[in-house]
C-alpha atoms as a PDB file:
ATOM      1  CA  MET A   1       0.000   0.000   0.000  1.00  0.00           C
ATOM      2  CA  VAL A   2       1.318   3.447  -0.920  1.00  0.00           C
ATOM      3  CA  HIS A   3       0.876   6.080   1.770  1.00  0.00           C
ATOM      4  CA  THR A   4       0.675   9.653   0.558  1.00  0.00           C
ATOM      5  CA  GLN A   5       1.772  12.562   2.704  1.00  0.00           C
ATOM      6  CA  PRO A   6      -1.114  14.973   3.336  1.00  0.00           C
ATOM      7  CA  ASP A   7      -0.556  18.462   1.955  1.00  0.00           C
ATOM      8  CA  LEU A   8      -0.455  20.224   5.300  1.00  0.00           C
ATOM      9  CA  PHE A   9       0.366  23.593   3.743  1.00  0.00           C
ATOM     10  CA  ALA A  10      -2.732  23.439   1.538  1.00  0.00           C
ATOM     11  CA  GLN A  11      -4.811  22.545   4.575  1.00  0.00           C
ATOM     12  CA  PHE A  12      -3.388  24.939   7.157  1.00  0.00           C
ATOM     13  CA  GLY A  13      -1.292  27.539   5.323  1.00  0.00           C
ATOM     14  CA  GLN A  14       1.274  29.273   7.541  1.00  0.00           C
ATOM     15  CA  ILE A  15      -0.946  29.194  10.621  1.00  0.00           C
ATOM     16  CA  ASP A  16       0.560  30.386  13.896  1.00  0.00           C
ATOM     17  CA  ILE A  17       1.466  27.221  15.806  1.00  0.00           C
ATOM     18  CA  TYR A  18      -0.079  28.601  18.995  1.00  0.00           C
ATOM     19  CA  LEU A  19      -3.345  29.274  17.178  1.00  0.00           C
ATOM     20  CA  PHE A  20      -3.163  25.707  15.855  1.00  0.00           C
ATOM     21  CA  ASP A  21      -2.933  24.635  19.495  1.00  0.00           C
ATOM     22  CA  GLN A  22      -6.270  26.346  20.189  1.00  0.00           C
ATOM     23  CA  LEU A  23      -7.807  24.365  17.323  1.00  0.00           C
ATOM     24  CA  LEU A  24      -6.395  21.107  18.654  1.00  0.00           C
ATOM     25  CA  ARG A  25      -7.972  21.794  22.031  1.00  0.00           C
ATOM     26  CA  ALA A  26     -11.375  22.446  20.416  1.00  0.00           C
ATOM     27  CA  ARG A  27     -11.592  26.021  21.638  1.00  0.00           C
ATOM     28  CA  ILE A  28     -12.229  27.099  18.050  1.00  0.00           C
ATOM     29  CA  THR A  29     -14.793  24.853  16.392  1.00  0.00           C
ATOM     30  CA  PRO A  30     -16.639  24.835  13.044  1.00  0.00           C
ATOM     31  CA  GLY A  31     -19.670  27.088  12.922  1.00  0.00           C
ATOM     32  CA  MET A  32     -18.068  29.772  15.071  1.00  0.00           C
ATOM     33  CA  ARG A  33     -17.844  33.355  13.856  1.00  0.00           C
ATOM     34  CA  ILE A  34     -14.183  34.397  13.687  1.00  0.00           C
ATOM     35  CA  VAL A  35     -12.697  37.861  13.179  1.00  0.00           C
ATOM     36  CA  ASP A  36      -9.019  38.054  12.256  1.00  0.00           C
ATOM     37  CA  ALA A  37      -8.059  41.576  13.347  1.00  0.00           C
ATOM     38  CA  GLY A  38      -4.935  42.509  11.437  1.00  0.00           C
ATOM     39  CA  CYS A  39      -5.331  39.552   9.107  1.00  0.00           C
ATOM     40  CA  GLY A  40      -2.521  40.440   6.689  1.00  0.00           C
ATOM     41  CA  ASP A  41      -2.706  38.183   3.646  1.00  0.00           C
ATOM     42  CA  GLY A  42      -4.736  35.563   5.548  1.00  0.00           C
ATOM     43  CA  ARG A  43      -2.074  33.164   6.760  1.00  0.00           C
ATOM     44  CA  ASN A  44      -4.092  32.249   9.874  1.00  0.00           C
ATOM     45  CA  ILE A  45      -7.446  31.665   8.190  1.00  0.00           C
ATOM     46  CA  VAL A  46      -6.662  29.154   5.421  1.00  0.00           C
ATOM     47  CA  TYR A  47      -7.962  26.226   7.494  1.00  0.00           C
ATOM     48  CA  LEU A  48     -10.897  28.230   8.854  1.00  0.00           C
ATOM     49  CA  LEU A  49     -12.070  29.210   5.375  1.00  0.00           C
ATOM     50  CA  GLN A  50     -12.100  25.577   4.297  1.00  0.00           C
ATOM     51  CA  THR A  51     -13.772  24.107   7.361  1.00  0.00           C
ATOM     52  CA  GLY A  52     -17.145  25.742   7.865  1.00  0.00           C
ATOM     53  CA  TYR A  53     -16.254  28.808   9.909  1.00  0.00           C
ATOM     54  CA  GLU A  54     -17.901  32.190   9.406  1.00  0.00           C
ATOM     55  CA  VAL A  55     -14.743  34.204   8.796  1.00  0.00           C
ATOM     56  CA  PHE A  56     -14.252  37.967   8.828  1.00  0.00           C
ATOM     57  CA  GLY A  57     -11.078  40.007   8.687  1.00  0.00           C
ATOM     58  CA  ALA A  58      -9.684  43.512   8.830  1.00  0.00           C
ATOM     59  CA  ASP A  59      -6.326  45.048   8.049  1.00  0.00           C
ATOM     60  CA  ALA A  60      -5.013  48.588   7.549  1.00  0.00           C
ATOM     61  CA  ASP A  61      -3.320  47.495   4.301  1.00  0.00           C
ATOM     62  CA  ALA A  62      -5.713  47.592   1.337  1.00  0.00           C
ATOM     63  CA  GLY A  63      -3.404  45.289  -0.630  1.00  0.00           C
ATOM     64  CA  ALA A  64      -3.583  42.675   2.122  1.00  0.00           C
ATOM     65  CA  ILE A  65      -7.378  42.821   2.109  1.00  0.00           C
ATOM     66  CA  ALA A  66      -7.411  42.378  -1.661  1.00  0.00           C
ATOM     67  CA  ALA A  67      -5.262  39.261  -1.208  1.00  0.00           C
ATOM     68  CA  VAL A  68      -7.522  37.912   1.554  1.00  0.00           C
ATOM     69  CA  ARG A  69     -10.630  38.472  -0.562  1.00  0.00           C
ATOM     70  CA  ALA A  70      -8.997  36.517  -3.382  1.00  0.00           C
ATOM     71  CA  LEU A  71      -8.084  33.741  -0.938  1.00  0.00           C
ATOM     72  CA  ALA A  72     -11.654  33.621   0.379  1.00  0.00           C
ATOM     73  CA  THR A  73     -13.084  33.569  -3.153  1.00  0.00           C
ATOM     74  CA  ARG A  74     -10.985  30.484  -3.850  1.00  0.00           C
ATOM     75  CA  LEU A  75     -11.503  28.618  -0.558  1.00  0.00           C
ATOM     76  CA  ALA A  76     -14.927  29.815   0.625  1.00  0.00           C
ATOM     77  CA  PRO A  77     -16.740  31.429  -2.299  1.00  0.00           C
ATOM     78  CA  HIS A  78     -19.982  31.673  -0.312  1.00  0.00           C
ATOM     79  CA  LEU A  79     -18.474  34.367   1.935  1.00  0.00           C
ATOM     80  CA  PRO A  80     -19.213  37.972   0.893  1.00  0.00           C
ATOM     81  CA  ALA A  81     -16.243  40.153  -0.025  1.00  0.00           C
ATOM     82  CA  GLU A  82     -17.544  42.658   2.552  1.00  0.00           C
ATOM     83  CA  ASN A  83     -16.488  40.261   5.310  1.00  0.00           C
ATOM     84  CA  PHE A  84     -12.944  41.540   4.749  1.00  0.00           C
ATOM     85  CA  ARG A  85     -12.400  45.242   5.371  1.00  0.00           C
ATOM     86  CA  THR A  86      -9.622  47.802   5.156  1.00  0.00           C
ATOM     87  CA  GLU A  87      -9.779  49.200   8.682  1.00  0.00           C
ATOM     88  CA  LEU A  88      -7.657  50.065  11.684  1.00  0.00           C
ATOM     89  CA  LEU A  89      -8.095  47.896  14.771  1.00  0.00           C
ATOM     90  CA  GLU A  90      -9.125  50.899  16.836  1.00  0.00           C
ATOM     91  CA  HIS A  91     -11.885  51.742  14.320  1.00  0.00           C
ATOM     92  CA  LEU A  92     -13.341  48.382  13.335  1.00  0.00           C
ATOM     93  CA  SER A  93     -16.864  48.611  11.901  1.00  0.00           C
ATOM     94  CA  PHE A  94     -18.074  45.212  13.117  1.00  0.00           C
ATOM     95  CA  PRO A  95     -20.786  45.449  15.806  1.00  0.00           C
ATOM     96  CA  ASP A  96     -20.303  44.849  19.507  1.00  0.00           C
ATOM     97  CA  ALA A  97     -20.610  41.229  20.710  1.00  0.00           C
ATOM     98  CA  PHE A  98     -20.224  40.036  17.122  1.00  0.00           C
ATOM     99  CA  ALA A  99     -17.670  37.215  17.275  1.00  0.00           C
ATOM    100  CA  ASP A 100     -17.010  33.978  19.099  1.00  0.00           C
ATOM    101  CA  VAL A 101     -13.271  34.356  18.550  1.00  0.00           C
ATOM    102  CA  VAL A 102     -11.050  37.320  17.687  1.00  0.00           C
ATOM    103  CA  ILE A 103      -7.543  36.584  16.408  1.00  0.00           C
ATOM    104  CA  CYS A 104      -4.932  39.333  16.680  1.00  0.00           C
ATOM    105  CA  SER A 105      -1.584  37.819  15.787  1.00  0.00           C
ATOM    106  CA  ALA A 106       1.614  39.888  15.446  1.00  0.00           C
ATOM    107  CA  VAL A 107      -0.240  43.220  15.273  1.00  0.00           C
ATOM    108  CA  LEU A 108      -0.452  44.933  18.666  1.00  0.00           C
ATOM    109  CA  HIS A 109       3.311  45.450  18.899  1.00  0.00           C
ATOM    110  CA  PHE A 110       3.062  47.964  16.041  1.00  0.00           C
ATOM    111  CA  ALA A 111       1.288  50.444  18.345  1.00  0.00           C
ATOM    112  CA  ARG A 112       3.026  53.809  18.422  1.00  0.00           C
ATOM    113  CA  ASP A 113       2.400  54.271  22.164  1.00  0.00           C
ATOM    114  CA  GLU A 114       0.397  52.914  25.092  1.00  0.00           C
ATOM    115  CA  ALA A 115      -2.712  54.901  24.186  1.00  0.00           C
ATOM    116  CA  GLN A 116      -2.856  53.375  20.716  1.00  0.00           C
ATOM    117  CA  PHE A 117      -2.114  49.921  22.107  1.00  0.00           C
ATOM    118  CA  ASP A 118      -5.119  50.207  24.427  1.00  0.00           C
ATOM    119  CA  ALA A 119      -7.314  51.566  21.630  1.00  0.00           C
ATOM    120  CA  MET A 120      -6.352  48.660  19.370  1.00  0.00           C
ATOM    121  CA  LEU A 121      -6.899  46.154  22.156  1.00  0.00           C
ATOM    122  CA  ARG A 122     -10.322  47.499  23.069  1.00  0.00           C
ATOM    123  CA  GLY A 123     -11.271  47.706  19.409  1.00  0.00           C
ATOM    124  CA  CYS A 124     -10.765  43.937  19.246  1.00  0.00           C
ATOM    125  CA  TRP A 125     -12.252  43.196  22.644  1.00  0.00           C
ATOM    126  CA  ARG A 126     -15.629  44.855  22.096  1.00  0.00           C
ATOM    127  CA  LEU A 127     -16.299  42.470  19.188  1.00  0.00           C
ATOM    128  CA  LEU A 128     -16.444  39.445  21.491  1.00  0.00           C
ATOM    129  CA  LYS A 129     -19.618  37.785  22.669  1.00  0.00           C
ATOM    130  CA  SER A 130     -19.823  36.915  26.352  1.00  0.00           C
ATOM    131  CA  GLY A 131     -17.610  33.877  26.823  1.00  0.00           C
ATOM    132  CA  GLY A 132     -15.725  34.638  23.603  1.00  0.00           C
ATOM    133  CA  LEU A 133     -11.994  34.090  23.120  1.00  0.00           C
ATOM    134  CA  LEU A 134      -9.335  36.666  22.214  1.00  0.00           C
ATOM    135  CA  PHE A 135      -6.143  35.096  20.870  1.00  0.00           C
ATOM    136  CA  THR A 136      -3.173  37.456  20.682  1.00  0.00           C
ATOM    137  CA  ARG A 137       0.485  36.984  19.933  1.00  0.00           C
ATOM    138  CA  LEU A 138       2.728  39.986  20.339  1.00  0.00           C
ATOM    139  CA  ALA A 139       6.274  41.093  21.036  1.00  0.00           C
ATOM    140  CA  SER A 140       7.289  41.451  24.661  1.00  0.00           C
ATOM    141  CA  SER A 141      10.290  42.219  26.835  1.00  0.00           C
ATOM    142  CA  ILE A 142       9.870  38.959  28.747  1.00  0.00           C
ATOM    143  CA  GLY A 143      13.216  37.158  28.896  1.00  0.00           C
ATOM    144  CA  LEU A 144      14.997  40.064  27.177  1.00  0.00           C
ATOM    145  CA  GLU A 145      14.681  42.724  29.855  1.00  0.00           C
ATOM    146  CA  ASP A 146      18.415  43.541  29.852  1.00  0.00           C
ATOM    147  CA  ARG A 147      18.732  43.404  26.057  1.00  0.00           C
ATOM    148  CA  VAL A 148      16.063  45.840  24.868  1.00  0.00           C
ATOM    149  CA  ARG A 149      16.642  49.602  24.650  1.00  0.00           C
ATOM    150  CA  PRO A 150      13.797  51.983  25.551  1.00  0.00           C
ATOM    151  CA  LEU A 151      12.843  54.520  22.863  1.00  0.00           C
ATOM    152  CA  GLY A 152       9.967  56.130  24.764  1.00  0.00           C
ATOM    153  CA  ASP A 153       6.178  55.725  24.711  1.00  0.00           C
ATOM    154  CA  GLY A 154       6.452  51.989  25.408  1.00  0.00           C
ATOM    155  CA  ARG A 155       8.537  51.289  22.302  1.00  0.00           C
ATOM    156  CA  TYR A 156      11.914  49.544  22.385  1.00  0.00           C
ATOM    157  CA  ARG A 157      14.773  48.627  20.092  1.00  0.00           C
ATOM    158  CA  LEU A 158      15.151  44.841  20.058  1.00  0.00           C
ATOM    159  CA  PRO A 159      18.476  43.010  19.658  1.00  0.00           C
ATOM    160  CA  ASP A 160      17.396  42.046  16.114  1.00  0.00           C
ATOM    161  CA  GLY A 161      17.316  45.772  15.238  1.00  0.00           C
ATOM    162  CA  SER A 162      13.536  46.141  15.007  1.00  0.00           C
ATOM    163  CA  ASP A 163      11.512  48.697  16.973  1.00  0.00           C
ATOM    164  CA  ARG A 164       8.353  47.459  18.697  1.00  0.00           C
ATOM    165  CA  PHE A 165       5.864  48.379  21.373  1.00  0.00           C
ATOM    166  CA  LEU A 166       6.625  45.818  24.073  1.00  0.00           C
ATOM    167  CA  VAL A 167       4.481  44.420  26.852  1.00  0.00           C
ATOM    168  CA  ASP A 168       5.527  42.501  29.930  1.00  0.00           C
ATOM    169  CA  GLU A 169       3.681  40.041  32.151  1.00  0.00           C
ATOM    170  CA  ALA A 170       2.530  42.679  34.643  1.00  0.00           C
ATOM    171  CA  MET A 171       1.014  44.780  31.852  1.00  0.00           C
ATOM    172  CA  LEU A 172      -0.841  41.800  30.390  1.00  0.00           C
ATOM    173  CA  ILE A 173      -2.219  40.812  33.794  1.00  0.00           C
ATOM    174  CA  ASP A 174      -3.321  44.416  34.343  1.00  0.00           C
ATOM    175  CA  ARG A 175      -5.085  44.541  30.951  1.00  0.00           C
ATOM    176  CA  THR A 176      -6.732  41.173  31.602  1.00  0.00           C
ATOM    177  CA  ARG A 177      -8.187  42.573  34.812  1.00  0.00           C
ATOM    178  CA  ALA A 178      -9.206  45.894  33.217  1.00  0.00           C
ATOM    179  CA  LEU A 179     -11.111  44.110  30.456  1.00  0.00           C
ATOM    180  CA  GLY A 180     -13.002  42.000  32.976  1.00  0.00           C
ATOM    181  CA  ALA A 181     -11.433  38.973  31.320  1.00  0.00           C
ATOM    182  CA  ALA A 182      -9.933  35.706  32.495  1.00  0.00           C
ATOM    183  CA  LEU A 183      -6.754  34.071  31.279  1.00  0.00           C
ATOM    184  CA  ALA A 184      -7.709  31.090  29.115  1.00  0.00           C
ATOM    185  CA  ASP A 185      -4.098  29.887  29.270  1.00  0.00           C
ATOM    186  CA  PRO A 186      -1.022  30.858  31.254  1.00  0.00           C
ATOM    187  CA  ILE A 187       0.941  33.604  29.498  1.00  0.00           C
ATOM    188  CA  LYS A 188       3.508  31.826  27.307  1.00  0.00           C
ATOM    189  CA  THR A 189       6.643  33.343  25.816  1.00  0.00           C
ATOM    190  CA  THR A 190       9.151  32.155  23.247  1.00  0.00           C
ATOM    191  CA  VAL A 191      12.565  33.832  23.213  1.00  0.00           C
ATOM    192  CA  VAL A 192      14.173  33.482  19.796  1.00  0.00           C
ATOM    193  CA  GLN A 193      17.925  33.151  20.273  1.00  0.00           C
ATOM    194  CA  ASP A 194      18.101  36.307  22.439  1.00  0.00           C
ATOM    195  CA  GLN A 195      17.008  38.417  19.447  1.00  0.00           C
ATOM    196  CA  ARG A 196      13.270  38.845  20.023  1.00  0.00           C
ATOM    197  CA  SER A 197      10.571  37.600  22.330  1.00  0.00           C
ATOM    198  CA  MET A 198       7.015  36.645  21.305  1.00  0.00           C
ATOM    199  CA  THR A 199       4.290  36.184  23.898  1.00  0.00           C
ATOM    200  CA  THR A 200       0.972  34.367  23.500  1.00  0.00           C
ATOM    201  CA  TRP A 201      -1.848  35.951  25.520  1.00  0.00           C
ATOM    202  CA  VAL A 202      -5.224  34.204  25.328  1.00  0.00           C
ATOM    203  CA  ILE A 203      -8.125  35.610  27.332  1.00  0.00           C
ATOM    204  CA  ARG A 204     -11.830  34.886  27.610  1.00  0.00           C
ATOM    205  CA  SER A 205     -14.638  37.409  27.936  1.00  0.00           C
ATOM    206  CA  GLN A 206     -16.673  37.276  31.126  1.00  0.00           C
ATOM    207  CA  GLY A 207     -18.850  40.346  30.706  1.00  0.00           C
ATOM    208  CA  THR A 208     -18.553  44.129  30.674  1.00  0.00           C
ATOM    209  CA  LEU A 209     -15.349  46.189  30.546  1.00  0.00           C
ATOM    210  CA  THR A 210     -14.258  47.721  33.837  1.00  0.00           C
ATOM    211  CA  ASP A 211     -12.543  51.043  34.436  1.00  0.00           C
END
């Protein structure tokens, strides 16, 4: 018998491995309404488009949205083009309590300062239904505290030469509390050869935002 290797790229694209983990644990299941906030060219929604999810996306880059619409036309032609919108995270046009899951992967660390970070975060958060899941992956200073150089307004120069808005564990715990959320997972961080640090922050909605 000849065994063929499944085409995993065709099935999953370049999905974030930590988002894949949420799928494996059945926290994201077919039939759910998903918003990918800062979707880029759609690398995290290839599987979702093919597997019965109601997928929406937004990105500030009009070219990225054009690419995502083309991807959706190919993989899920029943979805309207209007599901994918050229918008900033802090000004998303989707209604409140709209989504079961909001994905925000590798986006929040592009905030210019703490005020914009919070505006982007709350722009994503208000989309969630009660009990909904916010999956974020973002740059942090965790594990690199003595190797990042402050530039002001919460931005830092990383050892790899890039400039990012960086969070730390205390800030994420504070924002979890301020949103009235609960950690769905412990905060997890990957340090990439002392050059950059990426943190996965997954929280679940429990109700109304607090001050």
